[in-house]
Amino acid sequence: MANTIQARKRARQSIKQNMHNASLRSELRTAIKKVQKAIGAGDKTVAQKVYQESIGVIDRIADKKIIHKNKAARHKSRLSAQVKALA
């Protein structure tokens, strides 16, 4: 347990920040799943539209350092390849 006032405050702040970061990670996962669902449906135009919307979410979360920028790039690259592979 934190002994100093400063350490107690940091513990309170870290709980709040952890909840905020968790919601952002959830938003990221939801955006990725939306693209995968559109790809699974097989409609290329819809998949491209959803992919473009998801790029913004992925980049925004990477800019906030919730995930590493390389992980964001990897997700975008793989999703892009799957969208392009649709006939």
PDB file of N, CA and C in Angstrom:
ATOM      1  N   MET A   1       0.839  -1.185   0.000  1.00  0.00           N
ATOM      2  CA  MET A   1       0.000   0.000   0.000  1.00  0.00           C
ATOM      3  C   MET A   1       0.878   1.241   0.000  1.00  0.00           C
ATOM      4  N   ALA A   2       0.424   2.271  -0.678  1.00  0.00           N
ATOM      5  CA  ALA A   2       1.169   3.518  -0.770  1.00  0.00           C
ATOM      6  C   ALA A   2       1.205   4.215   0.591  1.00  0.00           C
ATOM      7  N   ASN A   3       2.367   4.717   0.954  1.00  0.00           N
ATOM      8  CA  ASN A   3       2.526   5.343   2.263  1.00  0.00           C
ATOM      9  C   ASN A   3       2.423   6.855   2.225  1.00  0.00           C
ATOM     10  N   THR A   4       2.914   7.477   1.172  1.00  0.00           N
ATOM     11  CA  THR A   4       2.905   8.936   1.111  1.00  0.00           C
ATOM     12  C   THR A   4       1.651   9.436   0.403  1.00  0.00           C
ATOM     13  N   ILE A   5       1.350  10.683   0.636  1.00  0.00           N
ATOM     14  CA  ILE A   5       0.188  11.306  -0.014  1.00  0.00           C
ATOM     15  C   ILE A   5       0.359  11.270  -1.527  1.00  0.00           C
ATOM     16  N   GLN A   6       1.557  11.575  -1.974  1.00  0.00           N
ATOM     17  CA  GLN A   6       1.843  11.587  -3.412  1.00  0.00           C
ATOM     18  C   GLN A   6       1.628  10.204  -4.031  1.00  0.00           C
ATOM     19  N   ALA A   7       2.084   9.167  -3.323  1.00  0.00           N
ATOM     20  CA  ALA A   7       1.943   7.804  -3.838  1.00  0.00           C
ATOM     21  C   ALA A   7       0.472   7.381  -3.861  1.00  0.00           C
ATOM     22  N   ARG A   8      -0.298   7.813  -2.864  1.00  0.00           N
ATOM     23  CA  ARG A   8      -1.732   7.498  -2.859  1.00  0.00           C
ATOM     24  C   ARG A   8      -2.433   8.164  -4.038  1.00  0.00           C
ATOM     25  N   LYS A   9      -2.082   9.418  -4.294  1.00  0.00           N
ATOM     26  CA  LYS A   9      -2.687  10.140  -5.412  1.00  0.00           C
ATOM     27  C   LYS A   9      -2.325   9.468  -6.733  1.00  0.00           C
ATOM     28  N   ARG A  10      -1.069   9.078  -6.901  1.00  0.00           N
ATOM     29  CA  ARG A  10      -0.647   8.406  -8.142  1.00  0.00           C
ATOM     30  C   ARG A  10      -1.398   7.090  -8.314  1.00  0.00           C
ATOM     31  N   ALA A  11      -1.658   6.391  -7.218  1.00  0.00           N
ATOM     32  CA  ALA A  11      -2.411   5.135  -7.301  1.00  0.00           C
ATOM     33  C   ALA A  11      -3.829   5.398  -7.778  1.00  0.00           C
ATOM     34  N   ARG A  12      -4.464   6.470  -7.255  1.00  0.00           N
ATOM     35  CA  ARG A  12      -5.808   6.844  -7.707  1.00  0.00           C
ATOM     36  C   ARG A  12      -5.799   7.215  -9.184  1.00  0.00           C
ATOM     37  N   GLN A  13      -4.804   7.997  -9.579  1.00  0.00           N
ATOM     38  CA  GLN A  13      -4.723   8.434 -10.974  1.00  0.00           C
ATOM     39  C   GLN A  13      -4.480   7.258 -11.911  1.00  0.00           C
ATOM     40  N   SER A  14      -3.675   6.307 -11.479  1.00  0.00           N
ATOM     41  CA  SER A  14      -3.368   5.173 -12.354  1.00  0.00           C
ATOM     42  C   SER A  14      -4.600   4.310 -12.584  1.00  0.00           C
ATOM     43  N   ILE A  15      -5.472   4.207 -11.589  1.00  0.00           N
ATOM     44  CA  ILE A  15      -6.711   3.444 -11.767  1.00  0.00           C
ATOM     45  C   ILE A  15      -7.583   4.113 -12.823  1.00  0.00           C
ATOM     46  N   LYS A  16      -7.721   5.432 -12.727  1.00  0.00           N
ATOM     47  CA  LYS A  16      -8.513   6.183 -13.702  1.00  0.00           C
ATOM     48  C   LYS A  16      -7.929   6.058 -15.106  1.00  0.00           C
ATOM     49  N   GLN A  17      -6.615   6.210 -15.204  1.00  0.00           N
ATOM     50  CA  GLN A  17      -5.954   6.148 -16.505  1.00  0.00           C
ATOM     51  C   GLN A  17      -6.062   4.751 -17.106  1.00  0.00           C
ATOM     52  N   ASN A  18      -5.969   3.731 -16.257  1.00  0.00           N
ATOM     53  CA  ASN A  18      -6.078   2.352 -16.726  1.00  0.00           C
ATOM     54  C   ASN A  18      -7.464   2.093 -17.316  1.00  0.00           C
ATOM     55  N   MET A  19      -8.504   2.621 -16.684  1.00  0.00           N
ATOM     56  CA  MET A  19      -9.860   2.461 -17.204  1.00  0.00           C
ATOM     57  C   MET A  19     -10.016   3.169 -18.551  1.00  0.00           C
ATOM     58  N   HIS A  20      -9.433   4.358 -18.669  1.00  0.00           N
ATOM     59  CA  HIS A  20      -9.509   5.116 -19.919  1.00  0.00           C
ATOM     60  C   HIS A  20      -8.781   4.376 -21.039  1.00  0.00           C
ATOM     61  N   ASN A  21      -7.580   3.881 -20.742  1.00  0.00           N
ATOM     62  CA  ASN A  21      -6.817   3.151 -21.747  1.00  0.00           C
ATOM     63  C   ASN A  21      -7.530   1.865 -22.163  1.00  0.00           C
ATOM     64  N   ALA A  22      -8.184   1.210 -21.216  1.00  0.00           N
ATOM     65  CA  ALA A  22      -8.914  -0.023 -21.522  1.00  0.00           C
ATOM     66  C   ALA A  22     -10.051   0.263 -22.491  1.00  0.00           C
ATOM     67  N   SER A  23     -10.730   1.391 -22.314  1.00  0.00           N
ATOM     68  CA  SER A  23     -11.827   1.720 -23.228  1.00  0.00           C
ATOM     69  C   SER A  23     -11.286   2.021 -24.623  1.00  0.00           C
ATOM     70  N   LEU A  24     -10.117   2.646 -24.710  1.00  0.00           N
ATOM     71  CA  LEU A  24      -9.515   2.916 -26.019  1.00  0.00           C
ATOM     72  C   LEU A  24      -9.078   1.625 -26.706  1.00  0.00           C
ATOM     73  N   ARG A  25      -8.512   0.693 -25.934  1.00  0.00           N
ATOM     74  CA  ARG A  25      -8.134  -0.598 -26.508  1.00  0.00           C
ATOM     75  C   ARG A  25      -9.361  -1.344 -27.012  1.00  0.00           C
ATOM     76  N   SER A  26     -10.455  -1.233 -26.270  1.00  0.00           N
ATOM     77  CA  SER A  26     -11.704  -1.862 -26.688  1.00  0.00           C
ATOM     78  C   SER A  26     -12.201  -1.242 -27.988  1.00  0.00           C
ATOM     79  N   GLU A  27     -12.094   0.070 -28.105  1.00  0.00           N
ATOM     80  CA  GLU A  27     -12.489   0.761 -29.337  1.00  0.00           C
ATOM     81  C   GLU A  27     -11.647   0.284 -30.521  1.00  0.00           C
ATOM     82  N   LEU A  28     -10.362   0.071 -30.284  1.00  0.00           N
ATOM     83  CA  LEU A  28      -9.465  -0.435 -31.324  1.00  0.00           C
ATOM     84  C   LEU A  28      -9.899  -1.825 -31.779  1.00  0.00           C
ATOM     85  N   ARG A  29     -10.146  -2.709 -30.833  1.00  0.00           N
ATOM     86  CA  ARG A  29     -10.544  -4.078 -31.170  1.00  0.00           C
ATOM     87  C   ARG A  29     -11.865  -4.090 -31.927  1.00  0.00           C
ATOM     88  N   THR A  30     -12.786  -3.219 -31.525  1.00  0.00           N
ATOM     89  CA  THR A  30     -14.075  -3.138 -32.204  1.00  0.00           C
ATOM     90  C   THR A  30     -13.902  -2.687 -33.642  1.00  0.00           C
ATOM     91  N   ALA A  31     -13.026  -1.702 -33.872  1.00  0.00           N
ATOM     92  CA  ALA A  31     -12.787  -1.203 -35.227  1.00  0.00           C
ATOM     93  C   ALA A  31     -12.204  -2.303 -36.109  1.00  0.00           C
ATOM     94  N   ILE A  32     -11.282  -3.085 -35.565  1.00  0.00           N
ATOM     95  CA  ILE A  32     -10.661  -4.168 -36.332  1.00  0.00           C
ATOM     96  C   ILE A  32     -11.703  -5.244 -36.654  1.00  0.00           C
ATOM     97  N   LYS A  33     -12.550  -5.560 -35.681  1.00  0.00           N
ATOM     98  CA  LYS A  33     -13.578  -6.580 -35.898  1.00  0.00           C
ATOM     99  C   LYS A  33     -14.593  -6.135 -36.934  1.00  0.00           C
ATOM    100  N   LYS A  34     -14.903  -4.836 -36.981  1.00  0.00           N
ATOM    101  CA  LYS A  34     -15.841  -4.329 -37.986  1.00  0.00           C
ATOM    102  C   LYS A  34     -15.306  -4.571 -39.391  1.00  0.00           C
ATOM    103  N   VAL A  35     -14.000  -4.306 -39.566  1.00  0.00           N
ATOM    104  CA  VAL A  35     -13.392  -4.514 -40.885  1.00  0.00           C
ATOM    105  C   VAL A  35     -13.410  -5.997 -41.225  1.00  0.00           C
ATOM    106  N   GLN A  36     -13.050  -6.848 -40.277  1.00  0.00           N
ATOM    107  CA  GLN A  36     -13.022  -8.280 -40.534  1.00  0.00           C
ATOM    108  C   GLN A  36     -14.418  -8.814 -40.863  1.00  0.00           C
ATOM    109  N   LYS A  37     -15.432  -8.260 -40.204  1.00  0.00           N
ATOM    110  CA  LYS A  37     -16.802  -8.677 -40.491  1.00  0.00           C
ATOM    111  C   LYS A  37     -17.196  -8.258 -41.907  1.00  0.00           C
ATOM    112  N   ALA A  38     -16.807  -7.044 -42.317  1.00  0.00           N
ATOM    113  CA  ALA A  38     -17.109  -6.570 -43.666  1.00  0.00           C
ATOM    114  C   ALA A  38     -16.375  -7.412 -44.704  1.00  0.00           C
ATOM    115  N   ILE A  39     -15.149  -7.809 -44.397  1.00  0.00           N
ATOM    116  CA  ILE A  39     -14.386  -8.671 -45.306  1.00  0.00           C
ATOM    117  C   ILE A  39     -15.073 -10.030 -45.411  1.00  0.00           C
ATOM    118  N   GLY A  40     -15.538 -10.543 -44.277  1.00  0.00           N
ATOM    119  CA  GLY A  40     -16.223 -11.828 -44.266  1.00  0.00           C
ATOM    120  C   GLY A  40     -17.509 -11.815 -45.078  1.00  0.00           C
ATOM    121  N   ALA A  41     -18.164 -10.656 -45.120  1.00  0.00           N
ATOM    122  CA  ALA A  41     -19.394 -10.533 -45.902  1.00  0.00           C
ATOM    123  C   ALA A  41     -19.100 -10.584 -47.397  1.00  0.00           C
ATOM    124  N   GLY A  42     -17.885 -10.204 -47.783  1.00  0.00           N
ATOM    125  CA  GLY A  42     -17.456 -10.324 -49.183  1.00  0.00           C
ATOM    126  C   GLY A  42     -17.742  -9.115 -50.057  1.00  0.00           C
ATOM    127  N   ASP A  43     -18.269  -8.021 -49.496  1.00  0.00           N
ATOM    128  CA  ASP A  43     -18.550  -6.821 -50.287  1.00  0.00           C
ATOM    129  C   ASP A  43     -17.341  -5.887 -50.209  1.00  0.00           C
ATOM    130  N   LYS A  44     -16.641  -5.729 -51.323  1.00  0.00           N
ATOM    131  CA  LYS A  44     -15.392  -4.978 -51.326  1.00  0.00           C
ATOM    132  C   LYS A  44     -15.605  -3.496 -51.050  1.00  0.00           C
ATOM    133  N   THR A  45     -16.651  -2.888 -51.605  1.00  0.00           N
ATOM    134  CA  THR A  45     -16.864  -1.453 -51.406  1.00  0.00           C
ATOM    135  C   THR A  45     -17.176  -1.136 -49.949  1.00  0.00           C
ATOM    136  N   VAL A  46     -17.987  -1.962 -49.328  1.00  0.00           N
ATOM    137  CA  VAL A  46     -18.301  -1.757 -47.912  1.00  0.00           C
ATOM    138  C   VAL A  46     -17.054  -1.976 -47.070  1.00  0.00           C
ATOM    139  N   ALA A  47     -16.291  -3.003 -47.409  1.00  0.00           N
ATOM    140  CA  ALA A  47     -15.068  -3.303 -46.658  1.00  0.00           C
ATOM    141  C   ALA A  47     -14.079  -2.149 -46.765  1.00  0.00           C
ATOM    142  N   GLN A  48     -13.959  -1.549 -47.953  1.00  0.00           N
ATOM    143  CA  GLN A  48     -13.040  -0.421 -48.128  1.00  0.00           C
ATOM    144  C   GLN A  48     -13.492   0.777 -47.298  1.00  0.00           C
ATOM    145  N   LYS A  49     -14.785   1.026 -47.271  1.00  0.00           N
ATOM    146  CA  LYS A  49     -15.317   2.157 -46.511  1.00  0.00           C
ATOM    147  C   LYS A  49     -15.064   1.970 -45.021  1.00  0.00           C
ATOM    148  N   VAL A  50     -15.358   0.781 -44.516  1.00  0.00           N
ATOM    149  CA  VAL A  50     -15.151   0.493 -43.091  1.00  0.00           C
ATOM    150  C   VAL A  50     -13.659   0.532 -42.761  1.00  0.00           C
ATOM    151  N   TYR A  51     -12.831   0.053 -43.684  1.00  0.00           N
ATOM    152  CA  TYR A  51     -11.375   0.078 -43.479  1.00  0.00           C
ATOM    153  C   TYR A  51     -10.878   1.511 -43.338  1.00  0.00           C
ATOM    154  N   GLN A  52     -11.350   2.405 -44.198  1.00  0.00           N
ATOM    155  CA  GLN A  52     -10.925   3.807 -44.133  1.00  0.00           C
ATOM    156  C   GLN A  52     -11.314   4.440 -42.799  1.00  0.00           C
ATOM    157  N   GLU A  53     -12.493   4.105 -42.290  1.00  0.00           N
ATOM    158  CA  GLU A  53     -12.918   4.635 -40.992  1.00  0.00           C
ATOM    159  C   GLU A  53     -12.048   4.072 -39.862  1.00  0.00           C
ATOM    160  N   SER A  54     -11.668   2.810 -39.997  1.00  0.00           N
ATOM    161  CA  SER A  54     -10.888   2.156 -38.950  1.00  0.00           C
ATOM    162  C   SER A  54      -9.456   2.667 -38.889  1.00  0.00           C
ATOM    163  N   ILE A  55      -8.932   3.102 -40.014  1.00  0.00           N
ATOM    164  CA  ILE A  55      -7.562   3.632 -40.026  1.00  0.00           C
ATOM    165  C   ILE A  55      -7.435   4.801 -39.062  1.00  0.00           C
ATOM    166  N   GLY A  56      -8.441   5.679 -39.076  1.00  0.00           N
ATOM    167  CA  GLY A  56      -8.415   6.827 -38.169  1.00  0.00           C
ATOM    168  C   GLY A  56      -8.387   6.410 -36.717  1.00  0.00           C
ATOM    169  N   VAL A  57      -9.175   5.409 -36.383  1.00  0.00           N
ATOM    170  CA  VAL A  57      -9.219   4.917 -35.002  1.00  0.00           C
ATOM    171  C   VAL A  57      -7.871   4.315 -34.612  1.00  0.00           C
ATOM    172  N   ILE A  58      -7.331   3.495 -35.495  1.00  0.00           N
ATOM    173  CA  ILE A  58      -6.048   2.833 -35.201  1.00  0.00           C
ATOM    174  C   ILE A  58      -4.938   3.868 -35.026  1.00  0.00           C
ATOM    175  N   ASP A  59      -4.872   4.838 -35.936  1.00  0.00           N
ATOM    176  CA  ASP A  59      -3.825   5.870 -35.843  1.00  0.00           C
ATOM    177  C   ASP A  59      -3.977   6.722 -34.590  1.00  0.00           C
ATOM    178  N   ARG A  60      -5.209   7.073 -34.263  1.00  0.00           N
ATOM    179  CA  ARG A  60      -5.445   7.912 -33.087  1.00  0.00           C
ATOM    180  C   ARG A  60      -4.990   7.204 -31.814  1.00  0.00           C
ATOM    181  N   ILE A  61      -5.275   5.918 -31.721  1.00  0.00           N
ATOM    182  CA  ILE A  61      -4.896   5.169 -30.528  1.00  0.00           C
ATOM    183  C   ILE A  61      -3.384   4.957 -30.472  1.00  0.00           C
ATOM    184  N   ALA A  62      -2.758   4.798 -31.647  1.00  0.00           N
ATOM    185  CA  ALA A  62      -1.299   4.663 -31.674  1.00  0.00           C
ATOM    186  C   ALA A  62      -0.630   5.986 -31.302  1.00  0.00           C
ATOM    187  N   ASP A  63      -1.211   7.101 -31.728  1.00  0.00           N
ATOM    188  CA  ASP A  63      -0.652   8.413 -31.385  1.00  0.00           C
ATOM    189  C   ASP A  63      -0.683   8.659 -29.878  1.00  0.00           C
ATOM    190  N   LYS A  64      -1.680   8.098 -29.218  1.00  0.00           N
ATOM    191  CA  LYS A  64      -1.790   8.246 -27.761  1.00  0.00           C
ATOM    192  C   LYS A  64      -0.934   7.231 -27.026  1.00  0.00           C
ATOM    193  N   LYS A  65      -0.212   6.398 -27.781  1.00  0.00           N
ATOM    194  CA  LYS A  65       0.705   5.395 -27.236  1.00  0.00           C
ATOM    195  C   LYS A  65      -0.004   4.337 -26.404  1.00  0.00           C
ATOM    196  N   ILE A  66      -1.267   4.057 -26.769  1.00  0.00           N
ATOM    197  CA  ILE A  66      -1.984   2.956 -26.133  1.00  0.00           C
ATOM    198  C   ILE A  66      -1.444   1.650 -26.717  1.00  0.00           C
ATOM    199  N   ILE A  67      -1.163   1.668 -28.027  1.00  0.00           N
ATOM    200  CA  ILE A  67      -0.466   0.560 -28.675  1.00  0.00           C
ATOM    201  C   ILE A  67       0.747   1.146 -29.390  1.00  0.00           C
ATOM    202  N   HIS A  68       1.721   0.310 -29.677  1.00  0.00           N
ATOM    203  CA  HIS A  68       2.929   0.753 -30.361  1.00  0.00           C
ATOM    204  C   HIS A  68       2.610   1.081 -31.813  1.00  0.00           C
ATOM    205  N   LYS A  69       3.334   2.042 -32.365  1.00  0.00           N
ATOM    206  CA  LYS A  69       3.078   2.457 -33.749  1.00  0.00           C
ATOM    207  C   LYS A  69       3.307   1.323 -34.737  1.00  0.00           C
ATOM    208  N   ASN A  70       4.238   0.422 -34.446  1.00  0.00           N
ATOM    209  CA  ASN A  70       4.476  -0.706 -35.348  1.00  0.00           C
ATOM    210  C   ASN A  70       3.312  -1.701 -35.308  1.00  0.00           C
ATOM    211  N   LYS A  71       2.708  -1.849 -34.147  1.00  0.00           N
ATOM    212  CA  LYS A  71       1.540  -2.732 -34.046  1.00  0.00           C
ATOM    213  C   LYS A  71       0.384  -2.140 -34.850  1.00  0.00           C
ATOM    214  N   ALA A  72       0.228  -0.831 -34.779  1.00  0.00           N
ATOM    215  CA  ALA A  72      -0.816  -0.168 -35.556  1.00  0.00           C
ATOM    216  C   ALA A  72      -0.564  -0.365 -37.050  1.00  0.00           C
ATOM    217  N   ALA A  73       0.680  -0.205 -37.464  1.00  0.00           N
ATOM    218  CA  ALA A  73       1.030  -0.384 -38.874  1.00  0.00           C
ATOM    219  C   ALA A  73       0.781  -1.820 -39.315  1.00  0.00           C
ATOM    220  N   ARG A  74       1.083  -2.765 -38.443  1.00  0.00           N
ATOM    221  CA  ARG A  74       0.871  -4.177 -38.768  1.00  0.00           C
ATOM    222  C   ARG A  74      -0.618  -4.474 -38.965  1.00  0.00           C
ATOM    223  N   HIS A  75      -1.453  -3.948 -38.064  1.00  0.00           N
ATOM    224  CA  HIS A  75      -2.897  -4.140 -38.209  1.00  0.00           C
ATOM    225  C   HIS A  75      -3.403  -3.535 -39.509  1.00  0.00           C
ATOM    226  N   LYS A  76      -2.981  -2.309 -39.795  1.00  0.00           N
ATOM    227  CA  LYS A  76      -3.447  -1.637 -41.010  1.00  0.00           C
ATOM    228  C   LYS A  76      -3.000  -2.385 -42.253  1.00  0.00           C
ATOM    229  N   SER A  77      -1.774  -2.872 -42.251  1.00  0.00           N
ATOM    230  CA  SER A  77      -1.239  -3.575 -43.403  1.00  0.00           C
ATOM    231  C   SER A  77      -1.998  -4.876 -43.649  1.00  0.00           C
ATOM    232  N   ARG A  78      -2.235  -5.633 -42.601  1.00  0.00           N
ATOM    233  CA  ARG A  78      -2.926  -6.913 -42.759  1.00  0.00           C
ATOM    234  C   ARG A  78      -4.375  -6.717 -43.200  1.00  0.00           C
ATOM    235  N   LEU A  79      -5.036  -5.720 -42.613  1.00  0.00           N
ATOM    236  CA  LEU A  79      -6.418  -5.459 -43.011  1.00  0.00           C
ATOM    237  C   LEU A  79      -6.482  -4.977 -44.451  1.00  0.00           C
ATOM    238  N   SER A  80      -5.537  -4.136 -44.829  1.00  0.00           N
ATOM    239  CA  SER A  80      -5.489  -3.631 -46.203  1.00  0.00           C
ATOM    240  C   SER A  80      -5.294  -4.771 -47.205  1.00  0.00           C
ATOM    241  N   ALA A  81      -4.413  -5.693 -46.881  1.00  0.00           N
ATOM    242  CA  ALA A  81      -4.159  -6.822 -47.756  1.00  0.00           C
ATOM    243  C   ALA A  81      -5.411  -7.690 -47.898  1.00  0.00           C
ATOM    244  N   GLN A  82      -6.145  -7.867 -46.800  1.00  0.00           N
ATOM    245  CA  GLN A  82      -7.363  -8.663 -46.860  1.00  0.00           C
ATOM    246  C   GLN A  82      -8.437  -7.980 -47.677  1.00  0.00           C
ATOM    247  N   VAL A  83      -8.536  -6.654 -47.568  1.00  0.00           N
ATOM    248  CA  VAL A  83      -9.538  -5.910 -48.360  1.00  0.00           C
ATOM    249  C   VAL A  83      -9.187  -5.980 -49.831  1.00  0.00           C
ATOM    250  N   LYS A  84      -7.904  -5.826 -50.146  1.00  0.00           N
ATOM    251  CA  LYS A  84      -7.479  -5.868 -51.555  1.00  0.00           C
ATOM    252  C   LYS A  84      -7.669  -7.250 -52.162  1.00  0.00           C
ATOM    253  N   ALA A  85      -7.605  -8.279 -51.348  1.00  0.00           N
ATOM    254  CA  ALA A  85      -7.729  -9.655 -51.849  1.00  0.00           C
ATOM    255  C   ALA A  85      -9.175 -10.005 -52.218  1.00  0.00           C
ATOM    256  N   LEU A  86     -10.129  -9.185 -51.777  1.00  0.00           N
ATOM    257  CA  LEU A  86     -11.530  -9.469 -52.129  1.00  0.00           C
ATOM    258  C   LEU A  86     -11.731  -9.315 -53.630  1.00  0.00           C
ATOM    259  N   ALA A  87     -12.551 -10.191 -54.181  1.00  0.00           N
ATOM    260  CA  ALA A  87     -12.789 -10.142 -55.634  1.00  0.00           C
ATOM    261  C   ALA A  87     -13.885  -9.159 -55.971  1.00  0.00           C
TER     262      ALA A  87
END
